[in-house]
Protein backbone atom coordinates (compact mmCIF):
# COMPACT_ATOMS: atom_id res chain seq x y z
CA MET A 1 -42.02 -97.38 -34.85
CA PHE A 2 -38.85 -95.57 -34.17
CA ILE A 3 -39.53 -92.91 -36.68
CA LEU A 4 -42.81 -91.98 -35.16
CA LEU A 5 -41.21 -91.69 -31.68
CA GLY A 6 -38.59 -89.46 -33.04
CA THR A 7 -41.04 -87.16 -34.63
CA LEU A 8 -43.07 -86.88 -31.26
CA LEU A 9 -39.85 -86.18 -29.32
CA LEU A 10 -38.95 -83.37 -32.08
CA LEU A 11 -42.33 -81.76 -31.65
CA PHE A 12 -42.15 -81.77 -27.88
CA TYR A 13 -38.82 -80.18 -27.80
CA GLY A 14 -39.80 -77.72 -30.48
CA CYS A 15 -42.81 -76.27 -28.56
CA ASN A 16 -40.83 -75.63 -25.38
CA GLU A 17 -40.60 -72.22 -23.99
CA GLY A 18 -37.30 -70.27 -24.79
CA PRO A 19 -35.69 -67.41 -22.71
CA ASP A 20 -37.60 -64.06 -21.99
CA LEU A 21 -37.09 -61.41 -24.77
CA GLU A 22 -34.83 -58.81 -23.46
CA LEU A 23 -36.01 -55.09 -24.27
CA THR A 24 -33.20 -53.20 -26.01
CA GLN A 25 -32.77 -49.52 -27.22
CA ASP A 26 -30.23 -47.68 -28.85
CA ARG A 27 -28.64 -44.94 -27.10
CA SER A 28 -26.14 -42.32 -27.66
CA LYS A 29 -23.29 -40.96 -25.49
CA LEU A 30 -22.25 -37.44 -25.69
CA SER A 31 -18.88 -36.26 -24.15
CA LEU A 32 -17.76 -32.62 -23.75
CA SER A 33 -14.55 -31.18 -23.37
CA GLY A 34 -12.85 -27.91 -23.40
CA THR A 35 -10.34 -25.62 -22.00
CA PHE A 36 -10.23 -23.20 -18.92
CA VAL A 37 -8.40 -20.05 -20.22
CA THR A 38 -6.83 -17.91 -17.53
CA GLU A 39 -4.77 -14.88 -17.94
CA SER A 40 -1.08 -15.22 -18.53
CA PRO A 41 0.90 -15.17 -15.45
CA ASP A 42 3.60 -13.33 -17.45
CA GLU A 43 0.92 -10.55 -18.13
CA ILE A 44 -0.45 -9.86 -14.60
CA SER A 45 1.25 -8.81 -11.46
CA PHE A 46 0.60 -9.82 -7.62
CA PRO A 47 2.02 -6.81 -5.58
CA VAL A 48 2.96 -7.34 -2.00
CA LYS A 49 3.40 -3.80 -0.34
CA VAL A 50 5.15 -3.94 3.24
CA LEU A 51 4.96 -1.18 5.55
CA PHE A 52 7.32 -1.09 8.65
CA ALA A 53 6.27 1.05 11.23
CA ILE A 54 9.32 0.86 13.77
CA ASP A 55 9.35 2.63 17.21
CA CYS A 56 12.04 5.32 17.46
CA SER A 57 10.98 6.47 20.97
CA LEU A 58 13.57 7.50 23.76
CA SER A 59 13.30 4.08 25.57
CA MET A 60 14.89 2.56 22.45
CA GLY A 61 18.14 4.33 23.16
CA ASP A 62 20.99 5.65 20.93
CA ALA A 63 24.55 4.88 21.56
CA ALA A 64 26.06 7.75 19.50
CA MET A 65 24.12 10.04 21.79
CA GLY A 66 25.32 8.69 24.75
CA MET A 67 22.28 6.65 25.42
CA ALA A 68 23.46 3.03 25.72
CA ASP A 69 20.99 1.70 28.22
CA GLY A 70 18.04 1.40 25.73
CA SER A 71 16.39 -1.32 24.32
CA ASP A 72 18.39 -1.09 20.83
CA PRO A 73 20.75 1.69 21.18
CA HIS A 74 22.37 0.26 18.14
CA TYR A 75 19.56 0.37 15.86
CA LEU A 76 19.72 -3.26 15.05
CA ARG A 77 15.64 -3.29 14.35
CA LEU A 78 16.56 -0.95 11.56
CA GLU A 79 19.25 -3.30 10.18
CA ALA A 80 16.54 -6.25 10.42
CA VAL A 81 14.44 -3.96 8.23
CA ARG A 82 17.23 -3.49 5.82
CA ASN A 83 18.01 -7.06 5.64
CA PHE A 84 14.43 -7.86 4.78
CA VAL A 85 14.26 -5.32 2.14
CA ASP A 86 17.43 -6.37 0.57
CA GLN A 87 15.98 -9.88 0.46
CA TYR A 88 12.74 -9.02 -1.29
CA ASN A 89 13.24 -6.09 -3.11
CA ILE A 90 14.59 -8.13 -5.97
CA ASN A 91 10.98 -9.26 -6.81
CA GLU A 92 9.28 -6.80 -9.27
CA ASN A 93 6.13 -6.74 -7.45
CA THR A 94 7.34 -6.19 -4.02
CA SER A 95 7.60 -2.33 -2.67
CA PHE A 96 8.15 -0.89 0.95
CA GLU A 97 7.40 1.90 3.05
CA ILE A 98 9.57 2.72 6.03
CA MET A 99 7.80 4.78 8.64
CA LEU A 100 9.79 5.76 11.69
CA TRP A 101 7.69 7.11 14.55
CA ASN A 102 7.65 8.15 18.35
CA LEU A 103 5.32 10.94 19.40
CA ASP A 104 4.91 11.62 15.79
CA VAL A 105 5.93 10.00 12.48
CA ILE A 106 9.34 11.58 12.03
CA ASP A 107 10.35 10.04 8.87
CA VAL A 108 9.06 8.22 5.99
CA THR A 109 9.81 7.04 2.67
CA MET A 110 8.53 9.03 -0.34
CA ALA A 111 7.13 8.07 -3.60
CA MET A 112 5.78 9.84 -6.79
CA GLY A 113 2.08 10.61 -6.31
CA PRO A 114 -0.59 10.71 -9.24
CA GLY A 115 0.09 14.55 -9.70
CA GLY A 116 3.96 14.35 -9.68
CA GLN A 117 4.33 15.38 -6.19
CA MET A 118 6.18 13.29 -3.72
CA ILE A 119 4.09 11.86 -0.96
CA PRO A 120 4.43 9.28 1.77
CA GLY A 121 4.21 5.92 0.30
CA PHE A 122 5.76 2.48 -0.90
CA THR A 123 8.78 2.28 -3.10
CA LYS A 124 11.56 0.09 -4.56
CA ASP A 125 13.99 2.95 -4.67
CA PRO A 126 17.04 1.85 -2.82
CA ASP A 127 18.37 5.14 -2.10
CA GLU A 128 15.05 6.34 -0.75
CA LEU A 129 14.85 3.27 1.52
CA ASN A 130 18.59 3.68 2.92
CA ARG A 131 17.72 7.36 3.29
CA VAL A 132 15.15 6.83 6.06
CA LEU A 133 17.13 3.91 7.52
CA ASP A 134 20.47 5.77 7.67
CA ASN A 135 18.99 8.91 9.28
CA ALA A 136 17.19 7.50 12.18
CA HIS A 137 17.19 9.06 15.71
CA VAL A 138 15.09 8.82 18.82
CA ASP A 139 12.93 11.20 20.60
CA SER A 140 10.29 11.73 22.92
CA MET A 141 7.23 9.21 23.60
CA THR A 142 5.05 6.56 22.11
CA ASP A 143 2.10 7.61 20.25
CA TYR A 144 0.30 4.33 18.80
CA LEU A 145 -2.99 6.10 17.78
CA GLY A 146 -1.22 8.77 15.95
CA THR A 147 0.82 6.28 14.05
CA LEU A 148 -2.13 4.08 13.12
CA ASP A 149 -4.05 6.61 11.59
CA ALA A 150 -0.79 7.60 9.62
CA ILE A 151 -0.75 3.90 8.35
CA TYR A 152 -4.44 4.10 7.35
CA HIS A 153 -3.82 7.40 5.31
CA ASP A 154 -0.84 5.97 3.68
CA ILE A 155 -2.50 2.66 2.90
CA GLU A 156 -5.97 4.30 1.71
CA GLN A 157 -3.96 6.72 -0.45
CA ASP A 158 -2.00 4.03 -2.17
CA ILE A 159 -5.24 2.16 -2.82
CA LEU A 160 -7.02 5.09 -4.48
CA ASN A 161 -3.74 5.93 -6.41
CA THR A 162 -3.94 2.30 -8.08
CA GLU A 163 -4.05 2.90 -11.66
CA ASP A 164 -5.38 -0.61 -12.62
CA GLU A 165 -8.04 -1.52 -10.46
CA ALA A 166 -8.13 -5.14 -11.28
CA ASN A 167 -4.72 -5.34 -9.55
CA LEU A 168 -6.27 -4.62 -6.03
CA VAL A 169 -7.67 -8.13 -5.94
CA ARG A 170 -4.03 -9.47 -6.26
CA THR A 171 -2.29 -7.06 -3.87
CA LYS A 172 -1.15 -8.11 -0.40
CA TYR A 173 -0.43 -5.16 2.39
CA ILE A 174 1.74 -6.18 5.24
CA VAL A 175 2.45 -3.83 8.11
CA VAL A 176 5.24 -4.73 10.46
CA PHE A 177 4.59 -2.62 13.71
CA LEU A 178 7.36 -3.03 16.18
CA SER A 179 7.72 -1.12 19.66
CA ASP A 180 9.34 -1.69 23.08
CA GLY A 181 6.77 -0.72 25.48
CA MET A 182 3.23 0.85 26.14
CA SER A 183 1.76 3.62 24.18
CA ASN A 184 2.44 6.85 26.09
CA VAL A 185 1.80 10.55 25.05
CA GLY A 186 2.49 12.22 28.16
CA ASP A 187 -0.54 11.59 30.16
CA GLY A 188 -0.36 7.77 30.60
CA PRO A 189 -1.03 4.88 28.28
CA GLN A 190 -3.55 5.21 25.12
CA SER A 191 -6.95 3.06 25.20
CA ASP A 192 -6.66 -0.26 24.02
CA ILE A 193 -10.31 -0.14 22.77
CA GLU A 194 -9.18 2.82 20.79
CA ILE A 195 -6.03 1.29 19.48
CA TRP A 196 -7.95 -1.71 18.41
CA ALA A 197 -10.60 0.04 16.81
CA ARG A 198 -8.05 1.82 14.66
CA VAL A 199 -6.85 -1.77 13.28
CA GLU A 200 -10.54 -2.97 12.80
CA ASP A 201 -11.06 0.34 10.78
CA LEU A 202 -8.05 -0.27 8.84
CA TYR A 203 -8.66 -4.08 7.76
CA GLU A 204 -12.29 -3.23 7.18
CA MET A 205 -11.51 -0.38 4.71
CA VAL A 206 -8.86 -2.55 2.80
CA THR A 207 -11.80 -5.41 2.77
CA GLU A 208 -14.28 -2.90 1.45
CA ARG A 209 -12.13 -1.68 -1.45
CA GLY A 210 -11.59 -5.25 -2.74
CA VAL A 211 -7.92 -5.68 -1.84
CA GLY A 212 -6.58 -9.16 -1.91
CA GLY A 213 -5.22 -9.23 1.66
CA LEU A 214 -4.01 -7.40 4.84
CA ASN A 215 -1.66 -8.89 7.52
CA PHE A 216 -0.96 -6.52 10.55
CA HIS A 217 1.81 -8.29 12.51
CA THR A 218 3.00 -6.74 15.82
CA PHE A 219 6.28 -7.32 17.68
CA LEU A 220 7.23 -6.43 20.87
CA LEU A 221 11.03 -5.67 22.06
CA THR A 222 11.21 -6.84 25.74
CA GLU A 223 14.98 -5.89 26.44
CA LEU A 224 14.24 -3.38 29.06
CA PHE A 225 11.76 -5.61 31.15
CA GLY A 226 13.09 -7.24 34.21
CA PRO A 227 11.95 -10.33 35.99
CA GLY A 228 10.37 -8.10 38.75
CA PRO A 229 6.58 -8.35 39.40
CA MET A 230 6.12 -4.51 38.22
CA ASP A 231 8.06 -5.18 35.01
CA GLN A 232 6.39 -8.42 34.13
CA TYR A 233 2.83 -6.69 34.82
CA VAL A 234 3.64 -3.79 32.41
CA GLN A 235 5.17 -6.33 29.96
CA GLY A 236 1.62 -8.18 29.91
CA LEU A 237 -0.05 -4.90 29.35
CA CYS A 238 1.98 -4.29 26.30
CA GLU A 239 1.47 -7.90 25.04
CA THR A 240 -2.20 -7.60 25.39
CA THR A 241 -2.30 -4.43 23.21
CA LEU A 242 -0.14 -6.01 20.77
CA GLN A 243 -1.84 -9.26 20.64
CA GLY A 244 -5.16 -7.75 20.25
CA MET A 245 -3.82 -5.20 17.52
CA SER A 246 -2.59 -8.26 15.48
CA ASP A 247 -5.73 -10.38 16.03
CA ARG A 248 -7.86 -7.69 14.61
CA GLY A 249 -5.57 -7.12 11.80
CA ASN A 250 -5.32 -10.91 10.38
CA GLY A 251 -1.47 -10.95 11.56
CA GLN A 252 0.81 -12.59 14.39
CA PHE A 253 2.05 -11.25 17.63
CA ARG A 254 5.78 -11.85 18.38
CA ILE A 255 8.26 -11.03 20.99
CA PHE A 256 11.82 -10.28 20.53
CA GLU A 257 13.86 -10.58 24.10
CA THR A 258 16.96 -8.75 22.57
CA ALA A 259 17.59 -6.52 19.82
CA GLU A 260 19.93 -8.99 18.39
CA SER A 261 17.10 -11.54 18.01
CA ILE A 262 15.21 -9.29 15.63
CA ASP A 263 14.64 -10.73 12.28
CA PHE A 264 11.67 -10.34 9.97
CA ILE A 265 12.87 -12.51 7.05
CA ASN A 266 11.93 -15.87 8.85
CA ILE A 267 8.57 -14.43 10.26
CA VAL A 268 6.80 -12.55 7.45
CA ASP A 269 4.88 -14.66 5.13
CA MET A 270 5.00 -12.81 1.76
CA ARG A 271 2.82 -15.16 -0.12
CA LEU A 272 -0.88 -14.13 -1.16
CA THR A 273 -3.35 -16.77 -0.62
CA PHE A 274 -6.62 -17.04 -3.04
CA GLU A 275 -9.55 -19.28 -2.14
CA TYR A 276 -10.22 -20.80 -5.63
CA LYS A 277 -13.80 -21.72 -6.69
CA ILE A 278 -14.13 -24.64 -9.08
CA THR A 279 -16.99 -24.26 -11.63
CA TYR A 280 -18.51 -27.38 -13.11
CA LEU A 281 -20.87 -28.15 -15.83
CA VAL A 282 -24.06 -30.09 -15.57
CA ALA A 283 -25.79 -31.57 -18.82
CA TYR A 284 -29.36 -32.46 -18.71
CA ASN A 285 -31.57 -33.63 -21.58
CA TYR A 286 -35.22 -32.36 -21.08
CA ASN A 287 -36.43 -34.16 -24.25
CA VAL A 288 -36.36 -37.61 -22.76
CA ARG A 289 -38.03 -39.43 -19.70
CA PRO A 290 -36.48 -42.31 -18.10
CA GLY A 291 -38.56 -45.38 -17.83
CA VAL A 292 -38.34 -48.59 -15.77
CA GLU A 293 -36.09 -50.20 -18.68
CA LEU A 294 -36.06 -47.80 -21.42
CA VAL A 295 -35.55 -44.15 -22.03
CA TYR A 296 -38.60 -42.51 -23.76
CA VAL A 297 -38.74 -39.34 -26.06
CA ASP A 298 -40.33 -36.13 -24.93
CA SER A 299 -39.93 -33.97 -27.85
CA ASP A 300 -41.75 -30.90 -26.27
CA GLY A 301 -40.23 -31.34 -22.67
CA ASP A 302 -43.54 -31.01 -20.98
CA GLY A 303 -42.84 -34.21 -18.62
CA LEU A 304 -45.02 -36.43 -21.00
CA CYS A 305 -43.16 -39.03 -23.45
CA ASP A 306 -44.38 -38.90 -27.14
CA ASP A 307 -46.09 -42.31 -26.64
CA GLU A 308 -48.20 -40.93 -23.75
CA GLU A 309 -48.90 -37.82 -26.21
CA ALA A 310 -50.26 -40.15 -28.78
CA ASP A 311 -52.45 -42.09 -26.41
CA HIS A 312 -54.28 -38.82 -24.97
CA GLY A 313 -54.22 -37.20 -28.72
CA THR A 314 -52.04 -34.32 -27.70
CA ASP A 315 -49.43 -32.73 -29.80
CA PRO A 316 -45.83 -34.28 -28.83
CA THR A 317 -43.97 -30.96 -30.24
CA VAL A 318 -46.36 -28.48 -28.24
CA LYS A 319 -46.25 -28.30 -24.47
CA ASP A 320 -49.73 -26.83 -24.22
CA THR A 321 -51.83 -28.20 -27.01
CA ASP A 322 -54.98 -26.50 -26.63
CA GLY A 323 -53.13 -23.15 -25.64
CA ASP A 324 -55.05 -22.45 -22.42
CA GLY A 325 -52.07 -21.95 -20.30
CA LEU A 326 -51.82 -25.40 -18.41
CA ASN A 327 -49.51 -27.39 -20.20
CA ASP A 328 -50.59 -31.00 -21.11
CA PHE A 329 -48.71 -32.70 -18.30
CA PHE A 330 -50.38 -30.88 -15.79
CA GLU A 331 -53.71 -31.24 -17.22
CA ILE A 332 -53.61 -34.90 -17.57
CA LYS A 333 -51.80 -35.56 -14.18
CA VAL A 334 -53.79 -33.32 -11.87
CA SER A 335 -57.11 -34.79 -13.34
CA SER A 336 -59.25 -36.81 -10.92
CA PRO A 337 -62.81 -38.19 -10.92
CA GLY A 338 -65.26 -35.60 -10.97
CA HIS A 339 -62.51 -33.12 -11.97
CA GLU A 340 -61.23 -33.65 -15.25
CA LEU A 341 -59.24 -31.46 -17.46
CA ASP A 342 -59.20 -31.95 -20.87
CA PRO A 343 -55.84 -30.97 -22.63
CA LEU A 344 -57.27 -30.78 -25.78
CA VAL A 345 -59.87 -27.95 -25.10
C-alpha cells in the first residue's frame, strides 16, 4: 500500500511543469581604442603681434618744449608702452609695432620686408622699438581716419608677407589705440560712421584671411577734461567714438583719468582663444537586425534577416536577388494584396 502511494506521488511531481525556458544567444563585444595625434607644441608657434597706435598731437603737451599743460607732457603713455614691450618681448612668439600719429603717422617701427627692404611692421628688435619711443614729439592735430588706414595697411602687409600660411590661424593681432580727444583735421571732427567703418573693414579683412584673432582696444586719456558741462559733453563724444571702435574690433574701451594711471600690462590679454571641436566615432553593424529578445544575422544588409530570406527563398548574401533594381526588403515589405512584388522575379 505505501509503495503504491509513493509511486503515485513520484509520478505526480515528475509531471509538474518546470520554469519557462530562456532564449540565449552568444554575442561578441568589440571595443576600439586609438590615439589622437596633434602637432608637437615645440614645433609650432602661436604668434601674437601688438600694434600700439599712440596719439602725439599737440594737446598731449611736451614739457621739454615748454608745453607742460597738456594731457601727458612727460610722455608717460610711451613709458607704459615700453613697460609692456619689456614685459612680453621675452616671448619668442611676440612682436610689436609702435605707430606715433597726429595729423599723420610721424614715426613707426621698421622691419625687414620680403624683398630685403625695410618697411613699417612688427619687430622684436629692442633698438628699433626704443628708437621710436625715444624720439617721440608732439605736433598738429588728430587724424583718426588716416591712422586707421595706416593700421589696416600694415596689418594686411604683415599677413601677406607671412611665409608659413598655416601660422595665420594661430596668429593674434592686438591693436592698442590711445588718444586724448576727438578726431580733428582742421575742419572739425571726423565722422563716427566713417571711423567705425574703417575698424569694421580691418576686422573683416583679418577674418577673411584666416587669422586666428583680432582685438582692437581703445583708450581715452581724460586729463584735460574738466567737470564743466561743455567738457563733459565733448568727453562723451570721445567716449562714443572710441567705444564704437572697440565694439567693432572685438576689443575693450577703457578710460585713463591721468597720465600716471596709464598701464597696458594688466589690461591687454595676450592669449589666443580657440574653439575646439570634439570628433567622435559611431560604429554601426549593418549585418544584424535587432529582434525582441535576440539579434538576427542580416548577411547582405538589406533589412531582412537571413531567417526571413530563407522563408521567402531569397539569397541572404545578395541584396537584390532577382536583379530588378529593387532590393529584397523593399519588394517584400511594400507588397500588399492585389499589388504583390516578387523578389525572385
